[in-house]
Amino acid sequence: MFLRRLRTSAALRRGAKDGGVLAAIRAELSHELASSAPSAPPSFHSQDAPDFVTVSDAPRAQDLLLRRRADSEEVLVSALLAPLVFEGQEPLPRDLLMKVFVSKPGAAPVLHFDCRAFSAEGKPGFADCAINAVRYHSSPGDDGENKYGGPEFRDLDPQLKASLQEYLVARGVDSKLASSILQHLLQKEHAQYLNWLKILEETFSKDH
């Protein structure tokens, strides 16, 4: 995608007032359009998450907010792609960061799970989902500042960790949901990148 190193010939760079920027942009845009069908940012829809509805998925935003209501309980999932990580000059597969809030109307506290989903080795398009931290808020607007946040999740008893993971799975927050969200946000980011390239092309074309 956009991490491909751009190369413009020395002749093009010498002959362009912009140092070859427009030529490089057009080469990258041509490469992206040839390798994938152009499309508008897709709307989130997954047969693996039939109980969730989309609360927020703005075309220009980088995040996704889903909600599930069942059995007098509300589950909110806020998801965002993790920052890029490189191994040498090569980017590693993107991870997904999710915040999961579980609450009951009129009852406290609000449970808050920080989760990370990562591409499963040997399973293209599939993501493993793991809990990184668990905390609670006395109310939906409470940020928990200056309160004991509990031990590190990795230090918890293995049986307790497994039970908390199953608690989320029972509420639809599992590897299937994470995989669907991860693929959606990657497609959405790619569409945003294409649009960004087109705007740059239009901007630099005005100087020619």
C-alpha atoms as a PDB file:
ATOM      1  CA  MET A   1       0.000   0.000   0.000  1.00  0.00           C
ATOM      2  CA  PHE A   2       1.344   3.454   0.857  1.00  0.00           C
ATOM      3  CA  LEU A   3       4.475   1.986   2.425  1.00  0.00           C
ATOM      4  CA  ARG A   4       5.861   1.032  -0.964  1.00  0.00           C
ATOM      5  CA  ARG A   5       8.995   3.061  -1.561  1.00  0.00           C
ATOM      6  CA  LEU A   6       8.421   5.671  -4.269  1.00  0.00           C
ATOM      7  CA  ARG A   7      11.075   6.046  -6.931  1.00  0.00           C
ATOM      8  CA  THR A   8      11.177   8.717  -9.600  1.00  0.00           C
ATOM      9  CA  SER A   9      13.892   8.869 -12.235  1.00  0.00           C
ATOM     10  CA  ALA A  10      16.578  11.533 -11.939  1.00  0.00           C
ATOM     11  CA  ALA A  11      15.500  12.909 -15.307  1.00  0.00           C
ATOM     12  CA  LEU A  12      11.958  13.444 -14.081  1.00  0.00           C
ATOM     13  CA  ARG A  13      13.163  15.095 -10.895  1.00  0.00           C
ATOM     14  CA  ARG A  14      15.475  17.446 -12.795  1.00  0.00           C
ATOM     15  CA  GLY A  15      12.768  18.366 -15.281  1.00  0.00           C
ATOM     16  CA  ALA A  16      10.027  19.089 -12.753  1.00  0.00           C
ATOM     17  CA  LYS A  17       9.538  22.306 -10.842  1.00  0.00           C
ATOM     18  CA  ASP A  18       8.262  20.329  -7.862  1.00  0.00           C
ATOM     19  CA  GLY A  19      11.281  18.016  -7.687  1.00  0.00           C
ATOM     20  CA  GLY A  20       9.308  15.125  -9.122  1.00  0.00           C
ATOM     21  CA  VAL A  21       6.570  15.091  -6.467  1.00  0.00           C
ATOM     22  CA  LEU A  22       3.688  15.013  -8.956  1.00  0.00           C
ATOM     23  CA  ALA A  23       5.285  12.198 -10.946  1.00  0.00           C
ATOM     24  CA  ALA A  24       5.821  10.200  -7.745  1.00  0.00           C
ATOM     25  CA  ILE A  25       2.236  10.770  -6.625  1.00  0.00           C
ATOM     26  CA  ARG A  26       0.874   9.650  -9.997  1.00  0.00           C
ATOM     27  CA  ALA A  27       3.083   6.561  -9.984  1.00  0.00           C
ATOM     28  CA  GLU A  28       1.834   5.599  -6.519  1.00  0.00           C
ATOM     29  CA  LEU A  29      -1.783   6.320  -7.433  1.00  0.00           C
ATOM     30  CA  SER A  30      -1.483   4.237 -10.589  1.00  0.00           C
ATOM     31  CA  HIS A  31       0.040   1.390  -8.588  1.00  0.00           C
ATOM     32  CA  GLU A  32      -2.748   1.460  -5.991  1.00  0.00           C
ATOM     33  CA  LEU A  33      -5.549   1.634  -8.565  1.00  0.00           C
ATOM     34  CA  ALA A  34      -4.033  -1.247 -10.528  1.00  0.00           C
ATOM     35  CA  SER A  35      -3.686  -3.461  -7.446  1.00  0.00           C
ATOM     36  CA  SER A  36      -7.167  -2.884  -6.008  1.00  0.00           C
ATOM     37  CA  ALA A  37     -10.573  -1.751  -7.205  1.00  0.00           C
ATOM     38  CA  PRO A  38     -11.289   1.892  -6.345  1.00  0.00           C
ATOM     39  CA  SER A  39     -14.123   2.324  -3.905  1.00  0.00           C
ATOM     40  CA  ALA A  40     -15.631   4.686  -1.394  1.00  0.00           C
ATOM     41  CA  PRO A  41     -14.976   3.916   2.289  1.00  0.00           C
ATOM     42  CA  PRO A  42     -17.147   0.844   2.941  1.00  0.00           C
ATOM     43  CA  SER A  43     -19.812   0.667   5.624  1.00  0.00           C
ATOM     44  CA  PHE A  44     -19.249  -1.904   8.322  1.00  0.00           C
ATOM     45  CA  HIS A  45     -21.334  -5.018   7.874  1.00  0.00           C
ATOM     46  CA  SER A  46     -20.505  -8.479   9.085  1.00  0.00           C
ATOM     47  CA  GLN A  47     -22.470 -11.693   9.308  1.00  0.00           C
ATOM     48  CA  ASP A  48     -20.166 -12.541  12.200  1.00  0.00           C
ATOM     49  CA  ALA A  49     -21.581  -9.653  14.247  1.00  0.00           C
ATOM     50  CA  PRO A  50     -25.364  -9.773  13.669  1.00  0.00           C
ATOM     51  CA  ASP A  51     -26.176  -8.451  17.146  1.00  0.00           C
ATOM     52  CA  PHE A  52     -24.042  -5.318  16.796  1.00  0.00           C
ATOM     53  CA  VAL A  53     -25.209  -2.093  15.207  1.00  0.00           C
ATOM     54  CA  THR A  54     -22.945   0.677  13.954  1.00  0.00           C
ATOM     55  CA  VAL A  55     -23.034   3.807  16.083  1.00  0.00           C
ATOM     56  CA  SER A  56     -20.252   5.719  14.325  1.00  0.00           C
ATOM     57  CA  ASP A  57     -18.255   4.975  11.181  1.00  0.00           C
ATOM     58  CA  ALA A  58     -17.636   8.327   9.498  1.00  0.00           C
ATOM     59  CA  PRO A  59     -15.887   8.000   6.103  1.00  0.00           C
ATOM     60  CA  ARG A  60     -13.085  10.376   7.139  1.00  0.00           C
ATOM     61  CA  ALA A  61     -12.694   9.033  10.672  1.00  0.00           C
ATOM     62  CA  GLN A  62     -10.218   6.318  11.570  1.00  0.00           C
ATOM     63  CA  ASP A  63     -12.303   4.583  14.215  1.00  0.00           C
ATOM     64  CA  LEU A  64     -15.445   2.478  14.435  1.00  0.00           C
ATOM     65  CA  LEU A  65     -18.027   2.361  17.248  1.00  0.00           C
ATOM     66  CA  LEU A  66     -20.427  -0.572  17.601  1.00  0.00           C
ATOM     67  CA  ARG A  67     -23.198  -1.294  20.108  1.00  0.00           C
ATOM     68  CA  ARG A  68     -24.986  -4.449  21.202  1.00  0.00           C
ATOM     69  CA  ARG A  69     -28.028  -4.461  23.458  1.00  0.00           C
ATOM     70  CA  ALA A  70     -29.359  -7.706  24.863  1.00  0.00           C
ATOM     71  CA  ASP A  71     -30.664  -9.052  28.164  1.00  0.00           C
ATOM     72  CA  SER A  72     -30.818  -5.570  29.747  1.00  0.00           C
ATOM     73  CA  GLU A  73     -27.134  -5.098  29.011  1.00  0.00           C
ATOM     74  CA  GLU A  74     -25.224  -2.805  26.673  1.00  0.00           C
ATOM     75  CA  VAL A  75     -21.887  -3.584  25.061  1.00  0.00           C
ATOM     76  CA  LEU A  76     -19.958  -0.813  23.297  1.00  0.00           C
ATOM     77  CA  VAL A  77     -16.930  -1.579  21.138  1.00  0.00           C
ATOM     78  CA  SER A  78     -14.631   1.249  20.056  1.00  0.00           C
ATOM     79  CA  ALA A  79     -11.973   0.125  17.571  1.00  0.00           C
ATOM     80  CA  LEU A  80      -8.949   1.713  15.930  1.00  0.00           C
ATOM     81  CA  LEU A  81      -5.964   0.435  13.966  1.00  0.00           C
ATOM     82  CA  ALA A  82      -2.777   0.278  16.010  1.00  0.00           C
ATOM     83  CA  PRO A  83       0.192   2.422  14.912  1.00  0.00           C
ATOM     84  CA  LEU A  84       2.470   0.939  12.282  1.00  0.00           C
ATOM     85  CA  VAL A  85       5.378  -1.153  13.518  1.00  0.00           C
ATOM     86  CA  PHE A  86       8.405  -1.880  11.328  1.00  0.00           C
ATOM     87  CA  GLU A  87      10.891  -4.698  11.236  1.00  0.00           C
ATOM     88  CA  GLY A  88      13.825  -3.066   9.520  1.00  0.00           C
ATOM     89  CA  GLN A  89      12.219  -1.241   6.589  1.00  0.00           C
ATOM     90  CA  GLU A  90       9.289  -3.630   6.269  1.00  0.00           C
ATOM     91  CA  PRO A  91       5.931  -2.951   7.978  1.00  0.00           C
ATOM     92  CA  LEU A  92       4.504  -5.710  10.141  1.00  0.00           C
ATOM     93  CA  PRO A  93       0.810  -6.689   9.847  1.00  0.00           C
ATOM     94  CA  ARG A  94      -1.425  -4.137  11.532  1.00  0.00           C
ATOM     95  CA  ASP A  95      -2.958  -4.837  14.929  1.00  0.00           C
ATOM     96  CA  LEU A  96      -6.369  -3.675  16.097  1.00  0.00           C
ATOM     97  CA  LEU A  97      -6.985  -1.814  19.359  1.00  0.00           C
ATOM     98  CA  MET A  98     -10.409  -2.195  20.944  1.00  0.00           C
ATOM     99  CA  LYS A  99     -12.023  -0.707  24.018  1.00  0.00           C
ATOM    100  CA  VAL A 100     -15.014  -2.701  25.221  1.00  0.00           C
ATOM    101  CA  PHE A 101     -17.513  -1.270  27.718  1.00  0.00           C
ATOM    102  CA  VAL A 102     -20.128  -3.478  29.363  1.00  0.00           C
ATOM    103  CA  SER A 103     -22.909  -1.868  31.391  1.00  0.00           C
ATOM    104  CA  LYS A 104     -26.440  -2.390  32.661  1.00  0.00           C
ATOM    105  CA  PRO A 105     -28.896   0.545  32.508  1.00  0.00           C
ATOM    106  CA  GLY A 106     -29.113   2.325  35.852  1.00  0.00           C
ATOM    107  CA  ALA A 107     -26.473   0.092  37.429  1.00  0.00           C
ATOM    108  CA  ALA A 108     -22.817   0.637  38.262  1.00  0.00           C
ATOM    109  CA  PRO A 109     -20.007   0.069  37.605  1.00  0.00           C
ATOM    110  CA  VAL A 110     -19.179   0.102  33.893  1.00  0.00           C
ATOM    111  CA  LEU A 111     -16.690  -2.610  33.011  1.00  0.00           C
ATOM    112  CA  HIS A 112     -13.893  -1.530  30.673  1.00  0.00           C
ATOM    113  CA  PHE A 113     -11.715  -3.977  28.728  1.00  0.00           C
ATOM    114  CA  ASP A 114      -8.697  -2.928  26.669  1.00  0.00           C
ATOM    115  CA  CYS A 115      -8.145  -5.521  23.946  1.00  0.00           C
ATOM    116  CA  ARG A 116      -5.707  -6.068  21.113  1.00  0.00           C
ATOM    117  CA  ALA A 117      -6.338  -8.168  18.027  1.00  0.00           C
ATOM    118  CA  PHE A 118      -3.476  -9.339  15.844  1.00  0.00           C
ATOM    119  CA  SER A 119      -3.216 -11.315  12.645  1.00  0.00           C
ATOM    120  CA  ALA A 120      -3.167 -15.018  13.409  1.00  0.00           C
ATOM    121  CA  GLU A 121      -0.086 -16.770  12.068  1.00  0.00           C
ATOM    122  CA  GLY A 122      -0.939 -19.002   9.139  1.00  0.00           C
ATOM    123  CA  LYS A 123      -4.557 -17.770   9.041  1.00  0.00           C
ATOM    124  CA  PRO A 124      -4.894 -14.940   6.502  1.00  0.00           C
ATOM    125  CA  GLY A 125      -7.761 -12.595   7.303  1.00  0.00           C
ATOM    126  CA  PHE A 126      -8.200 -14.026  10.797  1.00  0.00           C
ATOM    127  CA  ALA A 127      -7.294 -12.169  13.993  1.00  0.00           C
ATOM    128  CA  ASP A 128      -6.687 -13.479  17.486  1.00  0.00           C
ATOM    129  CA  CYS A 129      -8.172 -11.270  20.194  1.00  0.00           C
ATOM    130  CA  ALA A 130      -6.639 -10.877  23.656  1.00  0.00           C
ATOM    131  CA  ILE A 131      -7.392  -8.740  26.724  1.00  0.00           C
ATOM    132  CA  ASN A 132      -4.635  -6.355  27.801  1.00  0.00           C
ATOM    133  CA  ALA A 133      -6.329  -4.711  30.787  1.00  0.00           C
ATOM    134  CA  VAL A 134      -9.543  -4.732  32.792  1.00  0.00           C
ATOM    135  CA  ARG A 135     -10.870  -1.854  34.878  1.00  0.00           C
ATOM    136  CA  TYR A 136     -14.153  -0.331  35.908  1.00  0.00           C
ATOM    137  CA  HIS A 137     -15.775   3.103  35.999  1.00  0.00           C
ATOM    138  CA  SER A 138     -18.280   4.163  38.651  1.00  0.00           C
ATOM    139  CA  SER A 139     -20.337   5.864  35.913  1.00  0.00           C
ATOM    140  CA  PRO A 140     -20.170   6.221  32.104  1.00  0.00           C
ATOM    141  CA  GLY A 141     -18.415   9.601  32.385  1.00  0.00           C
ATOM    142  CA  ASP A 142     -15.896   8.539  35.016  1.00  0.00           C
ATOM    143  CA  ASP A 143     -12.358   8.313  33.624  1.00  0.00           C
ATOM    144  CA  GLY A 144     -11.040   6.418  36.646  1.00  0.00           C
ATOM    145  CA  GLU A 145      -8.275   8.942  37.282  1.00  0.00           C
ATOM    146  CA  ASN A 146      -6.441   8.513  40.597  1.00  0.00           C
ATOM    147  CA  LYS A 147      -8.228   5.242  41.293  1.00  0.00           C
ATOM    148  CA  TYR A 148      -6.745   1.800  41.726  1.00  0.00           C
ATOM    149  CA  GLY A 149      -6.898   0.188  38.312  1.00  0.00           C
ATOM    150  CA  GLY A 150      -6.218  -3.376  39.345  1.00  0.00           C
ATOM    151  CA  PRO A 151      -3.126  -5.490  38.639  1.00  0.00           C
ATOM    152  CA  GLU A 152      -1.573  -6.014  35.234  1.00  0.00           C
ATOM    153  CA  PHE A 153      -3.759  -8.427  33.285  1.00  0.00           C
ATOM    154  CA  ARG A 154      -0.780 -10.668  32.570  1.00  0.00           C
ATOM    155  CA  ASP A 155      -0.264 -11.097  36.329  1.00  0.00           C
ATOM    156  CA  LEU A 156      -3.768 -12.397  37.014  1.00  0.00           C
ATOM    157  CA  ASP A 157      -4.495 -16.024  37.802  1.00  0.00           C
ATOM    158  CA  PRO A 158      -4.689 -18.008  34.515  1.00  0.00           C
ATOM    159  CA  GLN A 159      -8.192 -19.267  35.321  1.00  0.00           C
ATOM    160  CA  LEU A 160      -9.419 -15.716  36.012  1.00  0.00           C
ATOM    161  CA  LYS A 161      -7.892 -14.497  32.737  1.00  0.00           C
ATOM    162  CA  ALA A 162      -9.589 -17.300  30.810  1.00  0.00           C
ATOM    163  CA  SER A 163     -12.921 -16.573  32.518  1.00  0.00           C
ATOM    164  CA  LEU A 164     -12.743 -12.874  31.635  1.00  0.00           C
ATOM    165  CA  GLN A 165     -11.972 -13.776  28.015  1.00  0.00           C
ATOM    166  CA  GLU A 166     -14.995 -16.079  27.940  1.00  0.00           C
ATOM    167  CA  TYR A 167     -17.105 -13.290  29.457  1.00  0.00           C
ATOM    168  CA  LEU A 168     -16.395 -11.159  26.382  1.00  0.00           C
ATOM    169  CA  VAL A 169     -16.893 -14.057  23.971  1.00  0.00           C
ATOM    170  CA  ALA A 170     -20.343 -14.662  25.471  1.00  0.00           C
ATOM    171  CA  ARG A 171     -21.159 -11.046  24.587  1.00  0.00           C
ATOM    172  CA  GLY A 172     -20.066 -11.369  20.974  1.00  0.00           C
ATOM    173  CA  VAL A 173     -16.594  -9.884  21.385  1.00  0.00           C
ATOM    174  CA  ASP A 174     -14.497 -12.640  19.878  1.00  0.00           C
ATOM    175  CA  SER A 175     -11.954 -13.364  17.171  1.00  0.00           C
ATOM    176  CA  LYS A 176     -14.622 -13.348  14.432  1.00  0.00           C
ATOM    177  CA  LEU A 177     -15.750  -9.848  15.377  1.00  0.00           C
ATOM    178  CA  ALA A 178     -12.159  -8.640  15.677  1.00  0.00           C
ATOM    179  CA  SER A 179     -11.290 -10.102  12.265  1.00  0.00           C
ATOM    180  CA  SER A 180     -14.270  -8.366  10.632  1.00  0.00           C
ATOM    181  CA  ILE A 181     -13.428  -5.012  12.241  1.00  0.00           C
ATOM    182  CA  LEU A 182      -9.740  -5.301  11.350  1.00  0.00           C
ATOM    183  CA  GLN A 183     -10.484  -6.000   7.676  1.00  0.00           C
ATOM    184  CA  HIS A 184     -13.052  -3.202   7.571  1.00  0.00           C
ATOM    185  CA  LEU A 185     -10.695  -0.597   9.027  1.00  0.00           C
ATOM    186  CA  LEU A 186      -7.870  -1.682   6.701  1.00  0.00           C
ATOM    187  CA  GLN A 187     -10.192  -1.254   3.689  1.00  0.00           C
ATOM    188  CA  LYS A 188     -11.420   2.046   5.038  1.00  0.00           C
ATOM    189  CA  GLU A 189      -7.872   3.322   5.542  1.00  0.00           C
ATOM    190  CA  HIS A 190      -6.959   2.266   2.006  1.00  0.00           C
ATOM    191  CA  ALA A 191      -9.917   4.187   0.580  1.00  0.00           C
ATOM    192  CA  GLN A 192      -8.874   7.218   2.623  1.00  0.00           C
ATOM    193  CA  TYR A 193      -5.333   6.886   1.328  1.00  0.00           C
ATOM    194  CA  LEU A 194      -6.506   6.820  -2.300  1.00  0.00           C
ATOM    195  CA  ASN A 195      -8.565   9.943  -1.689  1.00  0.00           C
ATOM    196  CA  TRP A 196      -5.545  11.615  -0.074  1.00  0.00           C
ATOM    197  CA  LEU A 197      -3.400  10.804  -3.106  1.00  0.00           C
ATOM    198  CA  LYS A 198      -6.021  12.201  -5.483  1.00  0.00           C
ATOM    199  CA  ILE A 199      -6.214  15.468  -3.535  1.00  0.00           C
ATOM    200  CA  LEU A 200      -2.415  15.758  -3.579  1.00  0.00           C
ATOM    201  CA  GLU A 201      -2.410  15.100  -7.318  1.00  0.00           C
ATOM    202  CA  GLU A 202      -4.965  17.864  -7.886  1.00  0.00           C
ATOM    203  CA  THR A 203      -2.990  20.255  -5.686  1.00  0.00           C
ATOM    204  CA  PHE A 204       0.362  19.706  -7.370  1.00  0.00           C
ATOM    205  CA  SER A 205      -1.214  19.647 -10.834  1.00  0.00           C
ATOM    206  CA  LYS A 206      -2.170  23.303 -10.360  1.00  0.00           C
ATOM    207  CA  ASP A 207       1.513  24.213 -10.379  1.00  0.00           C
ATOM    208  CA  HIS A 208       2.056  22.684 -13.834  1.00  0.00           C
END
